[in-house]
Amino acid sequence: MPANALAILEDIPRDLVPAALARLAARALEPVAPEPTDELLTADEVARIVKADKRWVQRHARELGGVKLSRRKLRFSRRRVLRYVEARR
């Protein structure tokens, strides 16, 4: 937000300040839509997206944003994988 973005408030006529405050307060109390949750993908699902085999995905897990959930479970953020694909285009 530019430093002078709030300067417009100085132009509100004094008799409208209470109404403006009430409107701003109501806006501040409106529920904010939650961000969509990111889906976790398996190596097989990522392999289909990046058009590679599962072993390649496992070897490049760090580049793809892979997270080890246990010794045998590796998951990937769908958003991060899609960003990787976009960056490679």
Protein backbone atom coordinates (compact mmCIF):
# COMPACT_ATOMS: atom_id res chain seq x y z
CA MET A 1 0.00 0.00 0.00
CA PRO A 2 1.44 3.39 -0.96
CA ALA A 3 2.32 5.71 1.90
CA ASN A 4 -0.28 8.26 0.78
CA ALA A 5 -3.11 5.71 0.41
CA LEU A 6 -4.66 6.84 3.69
CA ALA A 7 -4.46 10.52 2.74
CA ILE A 8 -7.92 10.21 1.17
CA LEU A 9 -9.33 9.86 4.69
CA GLU A 10 -8.54 13.54 5.25
CA ASP A 11 -11.14 14.40 2.58
CA ILE A 12 -14.06 12.75 4.42
CA PRO A 13 -16.40 15.47 5.69
CA ARG A 14 -16.50 15.62 9.49
CA ASP A 15 -20.22 14.77 9.64
CA LEU A 16 -19.61 11.53 7.66
CA VAL A 17 -16.70 10.27 9.82
CA PRO A 18 -18.94 8.19 12.17
CA ALA A 19 -20.63 6.49 9.20
CA ALA A 20 -17.25 5.86 7.56
CA LEU A 21 -15.91 4.32 10.77
CA ALA A 22 -18.97 2.10 11.11
CA ARG A 23 -18.57 0.93 7.52
CA LEU A 24 -14.86 0.18 8.00
CA ALA A 25 -15.56 -1.67 11.25
CA ALA A 26 -18.20 -3.82 9.53
CA ARG A 27 -15.78 -4.56 6.70
CA ALA A 28 -13.05 -5.54 9.16
CA LEU A 29 -15.42 -8.02 10.84
CA GLU A 30 -16.42 -9.76 7.59
CA PRO A 31 -15.11 -13.32 7.48
CA VAL A 32 -12.09 -13.78 5.28
CA ALA A 33 -12.26 -16.64 2.81
CA PRO A 34 -9.72 -19.26 3.82
CA GLU A 35 -6.92 -20.05 1.42
CA PRO A 36 -7.49 -23.26 -0.43
CA THR A 37 -5.60 -26.06 1.19
CA ASP A 38 -2.78 -27.61 -0.73
CA GLU A 39 -3.15 -31.21 -1.74
CA LEU A 40 -0.36 -33.68 -0.97
CA LEU A 41 0.57 -35.99 -3.81
CA THR A 42 2.34 -39.34 -3.95
CA ALA A 43 5.39 -39.95 -6.11
CA ASP A 44 3.19 -41.82 -8.60
CA GLU A 45 0.85 -38.83 -8.93
CA VAL A 46 3.76 -36.44 -9.37
CA ALA A 47 5.29 -38.74 -11.99
CA ARG A 48 2.12 -38.45 -14.07
CA ILE A 49 2.16 -34.64 -13.79
CA VAL A 50 5.83 -34.21 -14.73
CA LYS A 51 5.69 -37.06 -17.26
CA ALA A 52 8.53 -38.98 -15.69
CA ASP A 53 8.87 -42.28 -13.91
CA LYS A 54 8.47 -42.72 -10.17
CA ARG A 55 12.19 -43.29 -9.60
CA TRP A 56 13.05 -39.96 -11.27
CA VAL A 57 10.55 -38.22 -8.98
CA GLN A 58 12.08 -39.88 -5.93
CA ARG A 59 15.61 -38.87 -6.99
CA HIS A 60 14.50 -35.26 -7.59
CA ALA A 61 12.28 -35.02 -4.52
CA ARG A 62 14.16 -32.04 -3.09
CA GLU A 63 13.74 -30.02 -6.30
CA LEU A 64 10.05 -30.91 -6.40
CA GLY A 65 9.40 -29.95 -2.78
CA GLY A 66 9.12 -33.50 -1.48
CA VAL A 67 8.62 -34.06 2.24
CA LYS A 68 9.36 -37.31 4.01
CA LEU A 69 6.53 -38.27 6.31
CA SER A 70 8.30 -41.44 7.38
CA ARG A 71 11.09 -43.69 6.10
CA ARG A 72 8.85 -44.95 3.34
CA LYS A 73 6.34 -42.15 2.79
CA LEU A 74 7.21 -39.24 0.55
CA ARG A 75 4.65 -36.57 -0.32
CA PHE A 76 4.68 -33.51 -2.56
CA SER A 77 2.78 -30.24 -2.52
CA ARG A 78 0.60 -30.00 -5.64
CA ARG A 79 1.24 -26.23 -5.81
CA ARG A 80 4.99 -26.69 -5.60
CA VAL A 81 5.00 -29.39 -8.28
CA LEU A 82 2.92 -27.23 -10.61
CA ARG A 83 5.28 -24.30 -10.02
CA TYR A 84 8.19 -26.60 -10.92
CA VAL A 85 6.44 -27.61 -14.15
CA GLU A 86 5.67 -23.98 -15.05
CA ALA A 87 9.27 -22.93 -14.42
CA ARG A 88 10.51 -25.62 -16.81
CA ARG A 89 8.30 -24.49 -19.72
